[in-house]
C-alpha cells in the first residue's frame, strides 16, 4: 500500500476507534461525527489509490460516486453526510443523538470501511 493511501486508511481506522470510544462514553453525537470522519477518510484512501489525487469535499455521496462504491452503501453515505453538519452545530435541528442513532452510524461507517479496505 502506498504511503499516502496508508496514511488516509490508518486515520480512518483511528477515527472509527475514536467513535467507538466516544460511544462507550455515551457521547453519541460526537461518536456519530467520528463515524462520518472515518467513512470520509476511508473513501478518500480509495480515491487516492484509484485516481492518485485527493478532493477536499465532505459529501460522502459524491465521494462514493467517484470511487464507484457499492450502490447498496449509498444510503449509508447519505445518512453520514447529514451527520457532518448536524453533529457539529447546535442550530441544525439535531441537537441530541440517541444511543440507537449513534449505533446505527457505527454500523454504517463499519460497512463503508469494510468495502474501502477491499478496494485499497
PDB file of N, CA and C in Angstrom:
ATOM      1  N   UNK A   1       0.858  -1.174   0.000  1.00  0.00           N
ATOM      2  CA  UNK A   1       0.000   0.000   0.000  1.00  0.00           C
ATOM      3  C   UNK A   1       0.903   1.236   0.000  1.00  0.00           C
ATOM      4  N   UNK A   2       0.641   2.132  -0.917  1.00  0.00           N
ATOM      5  CA  UNK A   2       1.484   3.319  -0.983  1.00  0.00           C
ATOM      6  C   UNK A   2       1.253   4.206   0.241  1.00  0.00           C
ATOM      7  N   UNK A   3       2.238   5.020   0.532  1.00  0.00           N
ATOM      8  CA  UNK A   3       2.263   5.785   1.782  1.00  0.00           C
ATOM      9  C   UNK A   3       1.032   6.670   1.977  1.00  0.00           C
ATOM     10  N   UNK A   4       0.655   7.420   0.965  1.00  0.00           N
ATOM     11  CA  UNK A   4      -0.472   8.349   1.133  1.00  0.00           C
ATOM     12  C   UNK A   4      -1.784   7.592   1.361  1.00  0.00           C
ATOM     13  N   UNK A   5      -1.979   6.513   0.653  1.00  0.00           N
ATOM     14  CA  UNK A   5      -3.169   5.681   0.858  1.00  0.00           C
ATOM     15  C   UNK A   5      -3.160   5.142   2.282  1.00  0.00           C
ATOM     16  N   UNK A   6      -2.018   4.662   2.707  1.00  0.00           N
ATOM     17  CA  UNK A   6      -1.891   4.105   4.058  1.00  0.00           C
ATOM     18  C   UNK A   6      -2.192   5.155   5.122  1.00  0.00           C
ATOM     19  N   UNK A   7      -1.710   6.368   4.929  1.00  0.00           N
ATOM     20  CA  UNK A   7      -1.957   7.438   5.911  1.00  0.00           C
ATOM     21  C   UNK A   7      -3.451   7.709   6.058  1.00  0.00           C
ATOM     22  N   UNK A   8      -4.161   7.812   4.944  1.00  0.00           N
ATOM     23  CA  UNK A   8      -5.600   8.075   4.994  1.00  0.00           C
ATOM     24  C   UNK A   8      -6.344   6.884   5.584  1.00  0.00           C
ATOM     25  N   UNK A   9      -5.937   5.680   5.206  1.00  0.00           N
ATOM     26  CA  UNK A   9      -6.596   4.482   5.717  1.00  0.00           C
ATOM     27  C   UNK A   9      -6.405   4.358   7.225  1.00  0.00           C
ATOM     28  N   UNK A  10      -5.183   4.566   7.687  1.00  0.00           N
ATOM     29  CA  UNK A  10      -4.917   4.459   9.127  1.00  0.00           C
ATOM     30  C   UNK A  10      -5.705   5.508   9.909  1.00  0.00           C
ATOM     31  N   UNK A  11      -5.812   6.718   9.373  1.00  0.00           N
ATOM     32  CA  UNK A  11      -6.588   7.757  10.056  1.00  0.00           C
ATOM     33  C   UNK A  11      -8.067   7.380  10.091  1.00  0.00           C
ATOM     34  N   UNK A  12      -8.554   6.784   9.021  1.00  0.00           N
ATOM     35  CA  UNK A  12      -9.952   6.323   9.002  1.00  0.00           C
ATOM     36  C   UNK A  12     -10.183   5.297  10.106  1.00  0.00           C
ATOM     37  N   UNK A  13      -9.280   4.344  10.230  1.00  0.00           N
ATOM     38  CA  UNK A  13      -9.413   3.318  11.271  1.00  0.00           C
ATOM     39  C   UNK A  13      -9.328   3.936  12.670  1.00  0.00           C
ATOM     40  N   UNK A  14      -8.426   4.899  12.842  1.00  0.00           N
ATOM     41  CA  UNK A  14      -8.320   5.566  14.144  1.00  0.00           C
ATOM     42  C   UNK A  14      -9.596   6.332  14.465  1.00  0.00           C
ATOM     43  N   UNK A  15     -10.156   6.997  13.472  1.00  0.00           N
ATOM     44  CA  UNK A  15     -11.399   7.739  13.701  1.00  0.00           C
ATOM     45  C   UNK A  15     -12.543   6.801  14.078  1.00  0.00           C
ATOM     46  N   UNK A  16     -12.598   5.631  13.462  1.00  0.00           N
ATOM     47  CA  UNK A  16     -13.637   4.672  13.841  1.00  0.00           C
ATOM     48  C   UNK A  16     -13.406   4.181  15.272  1.00  0.00           C
ATOM     49  N   UNK A  17     -12.160   3.988  15.647  1.00  0.00           N
ATOM     50  CA  UNK A  17     -11.847   3.621  17.030  1.00  0.00           C
ATOM     51  C   UNK A  17     -12.260   4.710  18.004  1.00  0.00           C
ATOM     52  N   UNK A  18     -12.020   5.959  17.622  1.00  0.00           N
ATOM     53  CA  UNK A  18     -12.440   7.091  18.454  1.00  0.00           C
ATOM     54  C   UNK A  18     -13.958   7.118  18.580  1.00  0.00           C
ATOM     55  N   UNK A  19     -14.649   6.830  17.494  1.00  0.00           N
ATOM     56  CA  UNK A  19     -16.116   6.784  17.533  1.00  0.00           C
ATOM     57  C   UNK A  19     -16.600   5.737  18.532  1.00  0.00           C
ATOM     58  N   UNK A  20     -15.981   4.570  18.518  1.00  0.00           N
ATOM     59  CA  UNK A  20     -16.364   3.518  19.476  1.00  0.00           C
ATOM     60  C   UNK A  20     -16.088   3.963  20.914  1.00  0.00           C
ATOM     61  N   UNK A  21     -14.959   4.601  21.119  1.00  0.00           N
ATOM     62  CA  UNK A  21     -14.591   5.086  22.455  1.00  0.00           C
ATOM     63  C   UNK A  21     -15.617   6.111  22.950  1.00  0.00           C
ATOM     64  N   UNK A  22     -15.969   7.048  22.093  1.00  0.00           N
ATOM     65  CA  UNK A  22     -16.955   8.065  22.465  1.00  0.00           C
ATOM     66  C   UNK A  22     -18.328   7.442  22.703  1.00  0.00           C
ATOM     67  N   UNK A  23     -18.688   6.466  21.894  1.00  0.00           N
ATOM     68  CA  UNK A  23     -19.961   5.772  22.065  1.00  0.00           C
ATOM     69  C   UNK A  23     -20.023   5.105  23.435  1.00  0.00           C
ATOM     70  N   UNK A  24     -18.959   4.420  23.806  1.00  0.00           N
ATOM     71  CA  UNK A  24     -18.915   3.757  25.115  1.00  0.00           C
ATOM     72  C   UNK A  24     -19.016   4.772  26.251  1.00  0.00           C
ATOM     73  N   UNK A  25     -18.526   5.986  26.006  1.00  0.00           N
ATOM     74  CA  UNK A  25     -18.618   7.055  26.996  1.00  0.00           C
ATOM     75  C   UNK A  25     -19.924   7.834  26.919  1.00  0.00           C
ATOM     76  N   UNK A  26     -20.866   7.329  26.113  1.00  0.00           N
ATOM     77  CA  UNK A  26     -22.192   7.925  25.954  1.00  0.00           C
ATOM     78  C   UNK A  26     -22.149   9.323  25.335  1.00  0.00           C
ATOM     79  N   UNK A  27     -21.136   9.582  24.545  1.00  0.00           N
ATOM     80  CA  UNK A  27     -21.016  10.825  23.772  1.00  0.00           C
ATOM     81  C   UNK A  27     -21.486  10.502  22.349  1.00  0.00           C
ATOM     82  N   UNK A  28     -22.796  10.341  22.214  1.00  0.00           N
ATOM     83  CA  UNK A  28     -23.349   9.789  20.982  1.00  0.00           C
ATOM     84  C   UNK A  28     -23.217  10.726  19.787  1.00  0.00           C
ATOM     85  N   UNK A  29     -23.455  12.004  19.985  1.00  0.00           N
ATOM     86  CA  UNK A  29     -23.326  12.957  18.885  1.00  0.00           C
ATOM     87  C   UNK A  29     -21.887  12.990  18.378  1.00  0.00           C
ATOM     88  N   UNK A  30     -20.946  13.037  19.297  1.00  0.00           N
ATOM     89  CA  UNK A  30     -19.535  13.076  18.930  1.00  0.00           C
ATOM     90  C   UNK A  30     -19.100  11.766  18.269  1.00  0.00           C
ATOM     91  N   UNK A  31     -19.625  10.658  18.757  1.00  0.00           N
ATOM     92  CA  UNK A  31     -19.319   9.356  18.150  1.00  0.00           C
ATOM     93  C   UNK A  31     -19.799   9.326  16.702  1.00  0.00           C
ATOM     94  N   UNK A  32     -20.990   9.842  16.467  1.00  0.00           N
ATOM     95  CA  UNK A  32     -21.523   9.865  15.106  1.00  0.00           C
ATOM     96  C   UNK A  32     -20.669  10.732  14.191  1.00  0.00           C
ATOM     97  N   UNK A  33     -20.194  11.858  14.700  1.00  0.00           N
ATOM     98  CA  UNK A  33     -19.319  12.716  13.896  1.00  0.00           C
ATOM     99  C   UNK A  33     -18.062  11.953  13.484  1.00  0.00           C
ATOM    100  N   UNK A  34     -17.461  11.228  14.402  1.00  0.00           N
ATOM    101  CA  UNK A  34     -16.253  10.476  14.059  1.00  0.00           C
ATOM    102  C   UNK A  34     -16.562   9.313  13.120  1.00  0.00           C
ATOM    103  N   UNK A  35     -17.786   8.820  13.128  1.00  0.00           N
ATOM    104  CA  UNK A  35     -18.188   7.816  12.135  1.00  0.00           C
ATOM    105  C   UNK A  35     -18.135   8.426  10.737  1.00  0.00           C
ATOM    106  N   UNK A  36     -18.664   9.635  10.612  1.00  0.00           N
ATOM    107  CA  UNK A  36     -18.618  10.320   9.319  1.00  0.00           C
ATOM    108  C   UNK A  36     -17.174  10.536   8.895  1.00  0.00           C
ATOM    109  N   UNK A  37     -16.340  10.977   9.823  1.00  0.00           N
ATOM    110  CA  UNK A  37     -14.937  11.220   9.501  1.00  0.00           C
ATOM    111  C   UNK A  37     -14.238   9.944   9.044  1.00  0.00           C
ATOM    112  N   UNK A  38     -14.510   8.849   9.711  1.00  0.00           N
ATOM    113  CA  UNK A  38     -13.901   7.567   9.343  1.00  0.00           C
ATOM    114  C   UNK A  38     -14.323   7.159   7.932  1.00  0.00           C
ATOM    115  N   UNK A  39     -15.602   7.285   7.643  1.00  0.00           N
ATOM    116  CA  UNK A  39     -16.096   6.920   6.314  1.00  0.00           C
ATOM    117  C   UNK A  39     -15.480   7.819   5.245  1.00  0.00           C
ATOM    118  N   UNK A  40     -15.444   9.113   5.506  1.00  0.00           N
ATOM    119  CA  UNK A  40     -14.873  10.058   4.545  1.00  0.00           C
ATOM    120  C   UNK A  40     -13.414   9.722   4.249  1.00  0.00           C
ATOM    121  N   UNK A  41     -12.635   9.512   5.272  1.00  0.00           N
ATOM    122  CA  UNK A  41     -11.206   9.249   5.076  1.00  0.00           C
ATOM    123  C   UNK A  41     -10.966   7.903   4.407  1.00  0.00           C
ATOM    124  N   UNK A  42     -11.811   6.929   4.676  1.00  0.00           N
ATOM    125  CA  UNK A  42     -11.642   5.635   4.003  1.00  0.00           C
ATOM    126  C   UNK A  42     -11.947   5.762   2.514  1.00  0.00           C
ATOM    127  N   UNK A  43     -12.975   6.526   2.165  1.00  0.00           N
ATOM    128  CA  UNK A  43     -13.286   6.735   0.751  1.00  0.00           C
ATOM    129  C   UNK A  43     -12.199   7.548   0.066  1.00  0.00           C
ATOM    130  N   UNK A  44     -11.617   8.491   0.778  1.00  0.00           N
ATOM    131  CA  UNK A  44     -10.514   9.266   0.203  1.00  0.00           C
ATOM    132  C   UNK A  44      -9.277   8.397   0.005  1.00  0.00           C
ATOM    133  N   UNK A  45      -9.065   7.423   0.862  1.00  0.00           N
ATOM    134  CA  UNK A  45      -7.958   6.480   0.663  1.00  0.00           C
ATOM    135  C   UNK A  45      -8.162   5.712  -0.643  1.00  0.00           C
ATOM    136  N   UNK A  46      -9.388   5.286  -0.892  1.00  0.00           N
ATOM    137  CA  UNK A  46      -9.691   4.578  -2.141  1.00  0.00           C
ATOM    138  C   UNK A  46      -9.506   5.508  -3.332  1.00  0.00           C
ATOM    139  N   UNK A  47      -9.955   6.752  -3.194  1.00  0.00           N
ATOM    140  CA  UNK A  47      -9.807   7.724  -4.274  1.00  0.00           C
ATOM    141  C   UNK A  47      -8.336   7.942  -4.610  1.00  0.00           C
ATOM    142  N   UNK A  48      -7.507   8.071  -3.605  1.00  0.00           N
ATOM    143  CA  UNK A  48      -6.069   8.241  -3.841  1.00  0.00           C
ATOM    144  C   UNK A  48      -5.507   7.010  -4.545  1.00  0.00           C
ATOM    145  N   UNK A  49      -5.931   5.853  -4.115  1.00  0.00           N
ATOM    146  CA  UNK A  49      -5.473   4.602  -4.736  1.00  0.00           C
ATOM    147  C   UNK A  49      -5.856   4.549  -6.214  1.00  0.00           C
ATOM    148  N   UNK A  50      -7.089   4.914  -6.524  1.00  0.00           N
ATOM    149  CA  UNK A  50      -7.590   4.786  -7.892  1.00  0.00           C
ATOM    150  C   UNK A  50      -7.194   5.945  -8.793  1.00  0.00           C
ATOM    151  N   UNK A  51      -7.262   7.155  -8.253  1.00  0.00           N
ATOM    152  CA  UNK A  51      -7.096   8.352  -9.083  1.00  0.00           C
ATOM    153  C   UNK A  51      -5.794   9.106  -8.836  1.00  0.00           C
ATOM    154  N   UNK A  52      -5.067   8.709  -7.799  1.00  0.00           N
ATOM    155  CA  UNK A  52      -3.802   9.373  -7.447  1.00  0.00           C
ATOM    156  C   UNK A  52      -3.997  10.849  -7.115  1.00  0.00           C
ATOM    157  N   UNK A  53      -5.180  11.170  -6.558  1.00  0.00           N
ATOM    158  CA  UNK A  53      -5.449  12.552  -6.167  1.00  0.00           C
ATOM    159  C   UNK A  53      -6.428  12.566  -5.007  1.00  0.00           C
ATOM    160  N   UNK A  54      -6.482  13.711  -4.354  1.00  0.00           N
ATOM    161  CA  UNK A  54      -7.420  13.913  -3.250  1.00  0.00           C
ATOM    162  C   UNK A  54      -8.322  15.098  -3.604  1.00  0.00           C
ATOM    163  N   UNK A  55      -9.562  14.990  -3.261  1.00  0.00           N
ATOM    164  CA  UNK A  55     -10.506  16.084  -3.468  1.00  0.00           C
ATOM    165  C   UNK A  55     -11.025  16.484  -2.101  1.00  0.00           C
ATOM    166  N   UNK A  56     -10.980  17.759  -1.818  1.00  0.00           N
ATOM    167  CA  UNK A  56     -11.369  18.237  -0.492  1.00  0.00           C
ATOM    168  C   UNK A  56     -12.860  18.546  -0.456  1.00  0.00           C
ATOM    169  N   UNK A  57     -13.630  17.473  -0.345  1.00  0.00           N
ATOM    170  CA  UNK A  57     -15.075  17.586  -0.162  1.00  0.00           C
ATOM    171  C   UNK A  57     -15.462  16.691   1.007  1.00  0.00           C
ATOM    172  N   UNK A  58     -16.631  16.959   1.553  1.00  0.00           N
ATOM    173  CA  UNK A  58     -17.107  16.188   2.701  1.00  0.00           C
ATOM    174  C   UNK A  58     -18.382  15.406   2.386  1.00  0.00           C
ATOM    175  N   UNK A  59     -18.874  15.550   1.182  1.00  0.00           N
ATOM    176  CA  UNK A  59     -20.096  14.867   0.761  1.00  0.00           C
ATOM    177  C   UNK A  59     -19.758  13.415   0.428  1.00  0.00           C
ATOM    178  N   UNK A  60     -20.185  12.513   1.285  1.00  0.00           N
ATOM    179  CA  UNK A  60     -19.847  11.106   1.097  1.00  0.00           C
ATOM    180  C   UNK A  60     -20.506  10.507  -0.138  1.00  0.00           C
ATOM    181  N   UNK A  61     -21.656  11.015  -0.523  1.00  0.00           N
ATOM    182  CA  UNK A  61     -22.318  10.502  -1.724  1.00  0.00           C
ATOM    183  C   UNK A  61     -21.474  10.832  -2.953  1.00  0.00           C
ATOM    184  N   UNK A  62     -20.965  12.054  -3.022  1.00  0.00           N
ATOM    185  CA  UNK A  62     -20.106  12.428  -4.154  1.00  0.00           C
ATOM    186  C   UNK A  62     -18.818  11.612  -4.151  1.00  0.00           C
ATOM    187  N   UNK A  63     -18.224  11.444  -2.985  1.00  0.00           N
ATOM    188  CA  UNK A  63     -17.022  10.611  -2.894  1.00  0.00           C
ATOM    189  C   UNK A  63     -17.330   9.179  -3.316  1.00  0.00           C
ATOM    190  N   UNK A  64     -18.468   8.675  -2.890  1.00  0.00           N
ATOM    191  CA  UNK A  64     -18.870   7.311  -3.237  1.00  0.00           C
ATOM    192  C   UNK A  64     -18.982   7.145  -4.749  1.00  0.00           C
ATOM    193  N   UNK A  65     -19.531   8.144  -5.408  1.00  0.00           N
ATOM    194  CA  UNK A  65     -19.656   8.080  -6.862  1.00  0.00           C
ATOM    195  C   UNK A  65     -18.289   8.092  -7.532  1.00  0.00           C
ATOM    196  N   UNK A  66     -17.375   8.883  -7.001  1.00  0.00           N
ATOM    197  CA  UNK A  66     -16.032   8.966  -7.581  1.00  0.00           C
ATOM    198  C   UNK A  66     -15.263   7.656  -7.478  1.00  0.00           C
ATOM    199  N   UNK A  67     -15.504   6.898  -6.418  1.00  0.00           N
ATOM    200  CA  UNK A  67     -14.765   5.639  -6.220  1.00  0.00           C
ATOM    201  C   UNK A  67     -15.590   4.414  -6.621  1.00  0.00           C
ATOM    202  N   UNK A  68     -16.795   4.646  -7.140  1.00  0.00           N
ATOM    203  CA  UNK A  68     -17.685   3.563  -7.576  1.00  0.00           C
ATOM    204  C   UNK A  68     -18.017   2.610  -6.427  1.00  0.00           C
ATOM    205  N   UNK A  69     -18.402   3.218  -5.321  1.00  0.00           N
ATOM    206  CA  UNK A  69     -18.823   2.455  -4.143  1.00  0.00           C
ATOM    207  C   UNK A  69     -20.021   1.574  -4.489  1.00  0.00           C
ATOM    208  N   UNK A  70     -20.105   0.448  -3.850  1.00  0.00           N
ATOM    209  CA  UNK A  70     -21.260  -0.443  -3.991  1.00  0.00           C
ATOM    210  C   UNK A  70     -22.533   0.386  -3.776  1.00  0.00           C
ATOM    211  N   UNK A  71     -23.444   0.427  -4.752  1.00  0.00           N
ATOM    212  CA  UNK A  71     -24.659   1.237  -4.627  1.00  0.00           C
ATOM    213  C   UNK A  71     -25.496   0.923  -3.388  1.00  0.00           C
ATOM    214  N   UNK A  72     -25.388  -0.288  -2.878  1.00  0.00           N
ATOM    215  CA  UNK A  72     -26.141  -0.635  -1.670  1.00  0.00           C
ATOM    216  C   UNK A  72     -25.677   0.165  -0.455  1.00  0.00           C
ATOM    217  N   UNK A  73     -24.476   0.751  -0.537  1.00  0.00           N
ATOM    218  CA  UNK A  73     -23.948   1.529   0.583  1.00  0.00           C
ATOM    219  C   UNK A  73     -24.235   3.025   0.455  1.00  0.00           C
ATOM    220  N   UNK A  74     -24.839   3.441  -0.643  1.00  0.00           N
ATOM    221  CA  UNK A  74     -25.138   4.865  -0.816  1.00  0.00           C
ATOM    222  C   UNK A  74     -26.053   5.431   0.269  1.00  0.00           C
ATOM    223  N   UNK A  75     -27.081   4.704   0.728  1.00  0.00           N
ATOM    224  CA  UNK A  75     -27.886   5.248   1.831  1.00  0.00           C
ATOM    225  C   UNK A  75     -27.049   5.502   3.096  1.00  0.00           C
ATOM    226  N   UNK A  76     -26.057   4.653   3.346  1.00  0.00           N
ATOM    227  CA  UNK A  76     -25.167   4.879   4.490  1.00  0.00           C
ATOM    228  C   UNK A  76     -24.400   6.183   4.306  1.00  0.00           C
ATOM    229  N   UNK A  77     -23.912   6.406   3.097  1.00  0.00           N
ATOM    230  CA  UNK A  77     -23.178   7.640   2.811  1.00  0.00           C
ATOM    231  C   UNK A  77     -24.067   8.864   2.972  1.00  0.00           C
ATOM    232  N   UNK A  78     -25.279   8.764   2.476  1.00  0.00           N
ATOM    233  CA  UNK A  78     -26.212   9.889   2.578  1.00  0.00           C
ATOM    234  C   UNK A  78     -26.481  10.235   4.039  1.00  0.00           C
ATOM    235  N   UNK A  79     -26.747   9.237   4.841  1.00  0.00           N
ATOM    236  CA  UNK A  79     -27.045   9.483   6.253  1.00  0.00           C
ATOM    237  C   UNK A  79     -25.835  10.069   6.983  1.00  0.00           C
ATOM    238  N   UNK A  80     -24.658   9.531   6.721  1.00  0.00           N
ATOM    239  CA  UNK A  80     -23.463  10.035   7.407  1.00  0.00           C
ATOM    240  C   UNK A  80     -23.079  11.435   6.934  1.00  0.00           C
ATOM    241  N   UNK A  81     -23.438  11.787   5.711  1.00  0.00           N
ATOM    242  CA  UNK A  81     -23.175  13.151   5.239  1.00  0.00           C
ATOM    243  C   UNK A  81     -23.973  14.158   6.059  1.00  0.00           C
ATOM    244  N   UNK A  82     -25.210  13.822   6.409  1.00  0.00           N
ATOM    245  CA  UNK A  82     -26.007  14.706   7.266  1.00  0.00           C
ATOM    246  C   UNK A  82     -25.327  14.901   8.619  1.00  0.00           C
ATOM    247  N   UNK A  83     -24.720  13.859   9.109  1.00  0.00           N
ATOM    248  CA  UNK A  83     -24.061  13.904  10.419  1.00  0.00           C
ATOM    249  C   UNK A  83     -22.934  14.930  10.431  1.00  0.00           C
ATOM    250  N   UNK A  84     -22.258  15.088   9.294  1.00  0.00           N
ATOM    251  CA  UNK A  84     -21.121  16.011   9.227  1.00  0.00           C
ATOM    252  C   UNK A  84     -21.505  17.409   9.713  1.00  0.00           C
ATOM    253  N   UNK A  85     -22.677  17.868   9.350  1.00  0.00           N
ATOM    254  CA  UNK A  85     -23.148  19.186   9.789  1.00  0.00           C
ATOM    255  C   UNK A  85     -23.900  19.086  11.107  1.00  0.00           C
ATOM    256  N   UNK A  86     -24.858  18.175  11.176  1.00  0.00           N
ATOM    257  CA  UNK A  86     -25.742  18.090  12.341  1.00  0.00           C
ATOM    258  C   UNK A  86     -25.003  17.873  13.654  1.00  0.00           C
ATOM    259  N   UNK A  87     -23.966  17.086  13.635  1.00  0.00           N
ATOM    260  CA  UNK A  87     -23.270  16.766  14.884  1.00  0.00           C
ATOM    261  C   UNK A  87     -22.343  17.884  15.339  1.00  0.00           C
ATOM    262  N   UNK A  88     -22.077  18.832  14.466  1.00  0.00           N
ATOM    263  CA  UNK A  88     -21.117  19.883  14.823  1.00  0.00           C
ATOM    264  C   UNK A  88     -21.751  21.197  15.259  1.00  0.00           C
ATOM    265  N   UNK A  89     -22.959  21.451  14.811  1.00  0.00           N
ATOM    266  CA  UNK A  89     -23.548  22.763  15.064  1.00  0.00           C
ATOM    267  C   UNK A  89     -24.855  22.645  15.839  1.00  0.00           C
ATOM    268  N   UNK A  90     -25.057  23.509  16.840  1.00  0.00           N
ATOM    269  CA  UNK A  90     -26.245  23.402  17.687  1.00  0.00           C
ATOM    270  C   UNK A  90     -27.532  23.900  17.031  1.00  0.00           C
ATOM    271  N   UNK A  91     -27.420  24.610  15.922  1.00  0.00           N
ATOM    272  CA  UNK A  91     -28.611  25.216  15.329  1.00  0.00           C
ATOM    273  C   UNK A  91     -29.123  24.463  14.095  1.00  0.00           C
ATOM    274  N   UNK A  92     -28.773  23.202  13.969  1.00  0.00           N
ATOM    275  CA  UNK A  92     -29.189  22.450  12.779  1.00  0.00           C
ATOM    276  C   UNK A  92     -30.434  21.608  13.011  1.00  0.00           C
ATOM    277  N   UNK A  93     -30.951  21.610  14.204  1.00  0.00           N
ATOM    278  CA  UNK A  93     -32.169  20.865  14.492  1.00  0.00           C
ATOM    279  C   UNK A  93     -31.935  19.493  15.091  1.00  0.00           C
ATOM    280  N   UNK A  94     -30.711  19.014  15.066  1.00  0.00           N
ATOM    281  CA  UNK A  94     -30.394  17.696  15.622  1.00  0.00           C
ATOM    282  C   UNK A  94     -29.411  17.895  16.776  1.00  0.00           C
ATOM    283  N   UNK A  95     -29.905  18.460  17.853  1.00  0.00           N
ATOM    284  CA  UNK A  95     -29.042  18.766  18.995  1.00  0.00           C
ATOM    285  C   UNK A  95     -28.695  17.527  19.807  1.00  0.00           C
ATOM    286  N   UNK A  96     -29.544  16.510  19.730  1.00  0.00           N
ATOM    287  CA  UNK A  96     -29.341  15.312  20.548  1.00  0.00           C
ATOM    288  C   UNK A  96     -29.292  14.076  19.653  1.00  0.00           C
ATOM    289  N   UNK A  97     -28.325  13.235  19.892  1.00  0.00           N
ATOM    290  CA  UNK A  97     -28.230  11.949  19.192  1.00  0.00           C
ATOM    291  C   UNK A  97     -28.489  10.848  20.205  1.00  0.00           C
ATOM    292  N   UNK A  98     -29.368   9.951  19.862  1.00  0.00           N
ATOM    293  CA  UNK A  98     -29.671   8.844  20.765  1.00  0.00           C
ATOM    294  C   UNK A  98     -28.612   7.751  20.618  1.00  0.00           C
ATOM    295  N   UNK A  99     -28.621   6.860  21.576  1.00  0.00           N
ATOM    296  CA  UNK A  99     -27.719   5.715  21.524  1.00  0.00           C
ATOM    297  C   UNK A  99     -27.997   4.892  20.263  1.00  0.00           C
ATOM    298  N   UNK A 100     -29.255   4.717  19.948  1.00  0.00           N
ATOM    299  CA  UNK A 100     -29.630   3.934  18.765  1.00  0.00           C
ATOM    300  C   UNK A 100     -29.136   4.589  17.477  1.00  0.00           C
ATOM    301  N   UNK A 101     -29.327   5.909  17.365  1.00  0.00           N
ATOM    302  CA  UNK A 101     -28.866   6.616  16.170  1.00  0.00           C
ATOM    303  C   UNK A 101     -27.355   6.494  16.011  1.00  0.00           C
ATOM    304  N   UNK A 102     -26.658   6.691  17.099  1.00  0.00           N
ATOM    305  CA  UNK A 102     -25.202   6.610  17.057  1.00  0.00           C
ATOM    306  C   UNK A 102     -24.734   5.193  16.736  1.00  0.00           C
ATOM    307  N   UNK A 103     -25.397   4.206  17.290  1.00  0.00           N
ATOM    308  CA  UNK A 103     -25.056   2.818  16.983  1.00  0.00           C
ATOM    309  C   UNK A 103     -25.275   2.525  15.496  1.00  0.00           C
ATOM    310  N   UNK A 104     -26.351   3.057  14.942  1.00  0.00           N
ATOM    311  CA  UNK A 104     -26.598   2.900  13.505  1.00  0.00           C
ATOM    312  C   UNK A 104     -25.477   3.531  12.685  1.00  0.00           C
ATOM    313  N   UNK A 105     -24.995   4.690  13.138  1.00  0.00           N
ATOM    314  CA  UNK A 105     -23.886   5.346  12.440  1.00  0.00           C
ATOM    315  C   UNK A 105     -22.607   4.516  12.531  1.00  0.00           C
ATOM    316  N   UNK A 106     -22.372   3.892  13.666  1.00  0.00           N
ATOM    317  CA  UNK A 106     -21.210   2.999  13.795  1.00  0.00           C
ATOM    318  C   UNK A 106     -21.302   1.854  12.791  1.00  0.00           C
ATOM    319  N   UNK A 107     -22.481   1.298  12.645  1.00  0.00           N
ATOM    320  CA  UNK A 107     -22.668   0.201  11.690  1.00  0.00           C
ATOM    321  C   UNK A 107     -22.490   0.682  10.256  1.00  0.00           C
ATOM    322  N   UNK A 108     -23.005   1.874   9.959  1.00  0.00           N
ATOM    323  CA  UNK A 108     -22.842   2.439   8.613  1.00  0.00           C
ATOM    324  C   UNK A 108     -21.364   2.628   8.288  1.00  0.00           C
ATOM    325  N   UNK A 109     -20.660   3.251   9.207  1.00  0.00           N
ATOM    326  CA  UNK A 109     -19.232   3.503   8.983  1.00  0.00           C
ATOM    327  C   UNK A 109     -18.467   2.197   8.825  1.00  0.00           C
ATOM    328  N   UNK A 110     -18.781   1.214   9.630  1.00  0.00           N
ATOM    329  CA  UNK A 110     -18.091  -0.080   9.546  1.00  0.00           C
ATOM    330  C   UNK A 110     -18.304  -0.726   8.177  1.00  0.00           C
ATOM    331  N   UNK A 111     -19.504  -0.623   7.637  1.00  0.00           N
ATOM    332  CA  UNK A 111     -19.775  -1.200   6.309  1.00  0.00           C
ATOM    333  C   UNK A 111     -18.951  -0.495   5.230  1.00  0.00           C
ATOM    334  N   UNK A 112     -18.872   0.822   5.333  1.00  0.00           N
ATOM    335  CA  UNK A 112     -18.114   1.587   4.340  1.00  0.00           C
ATOM    336  C   UNK A 112     -16.626   1.267   4.451  1.00  0.00           C
ATOM    337  N   UNK A 113     -16.107   1.207   5.670  1.00  0.00           N
ATOM    338  CA  UNK A 113     -14.692   0.877   5.839  1.00  0.00           C
ATOM    339  C   UNK A 113     -14.382  -0.540   5.360  1.00  0.00           C
ATOM    340  N   UNK A 114     -15.290  -1.445   5.563  1.00  0.00           N
ATOM    341  CA  UNK A 114     -15.085  -2.820   5.092  1.00  0.00           C
ATOM    342  C   UNK A 114     -14.947  -2.832   3.572  1.00  0.00           C
ATOM    343  N   UNK A 115     -15.818  -2.092   2.890  1.00  0.00           N
ATOM    344  CA  UNK A 115     -15.734  -2.001   1.436  1.00  0.00           C
ATOM    345  C   UNK A 115     -14.423  -1.339   1.027  1.00  0.00           C
ATOM    346  N   UNK A 116     -14.087  -0.231   1.693  1.00  0.00           N
ATOM    347  CA  UNK A 116     -12.870   0.508   1.345  1.00  0.00           C
ATOM    348  C   UNK A 116     -11.632  -0.366   1.494  1.00  0.00           C
ATOM    349  N   UNK A 117     -11.583  -1.132   2.559  1.00  0.00           N
ATOM    350  CA  UNK A 117     -10.409  -1.982   2.791  1.00  0.00           C
ATOM    351  C   UNK A 117     -10.206  -2.965   1.636  1.00  0.00           C
ATOM    352  N   UNK A 118     -11.278  -3.442   1.082  1.00  0.00           N
ATOM    353  CA  UNK A 118     -11.181  -4.377  -0.048  1.00  0.00           C
ATOM    354  C   UNK A 118     -10.742  -3.683  -1.332  1.00  0.00           C
ATOM    355  N   UNK A 119     -10.838  -2.354  -1.342  1.00  0.00           N
ATOM    356  CA  UNK A 119     -10.550  -1.602  -2.563  1.00  0.00           C
ATOM    357  C   UNK A 119      -9.289  -0.758  -2.488  1.00  0.00           C
ATOM    358  N   UNK A 120      -8.538  -0.937  -1.444  1.00  0.00           N
ATOM    359  CA  UNK A 120      -7.239  -0.268  -1.391  1.00  0.00           C
ATOM    360  C   UNK A 120      -6.153  -1.319  -1.461  1.00  0.00           C
TER     361      UNK A 120
END
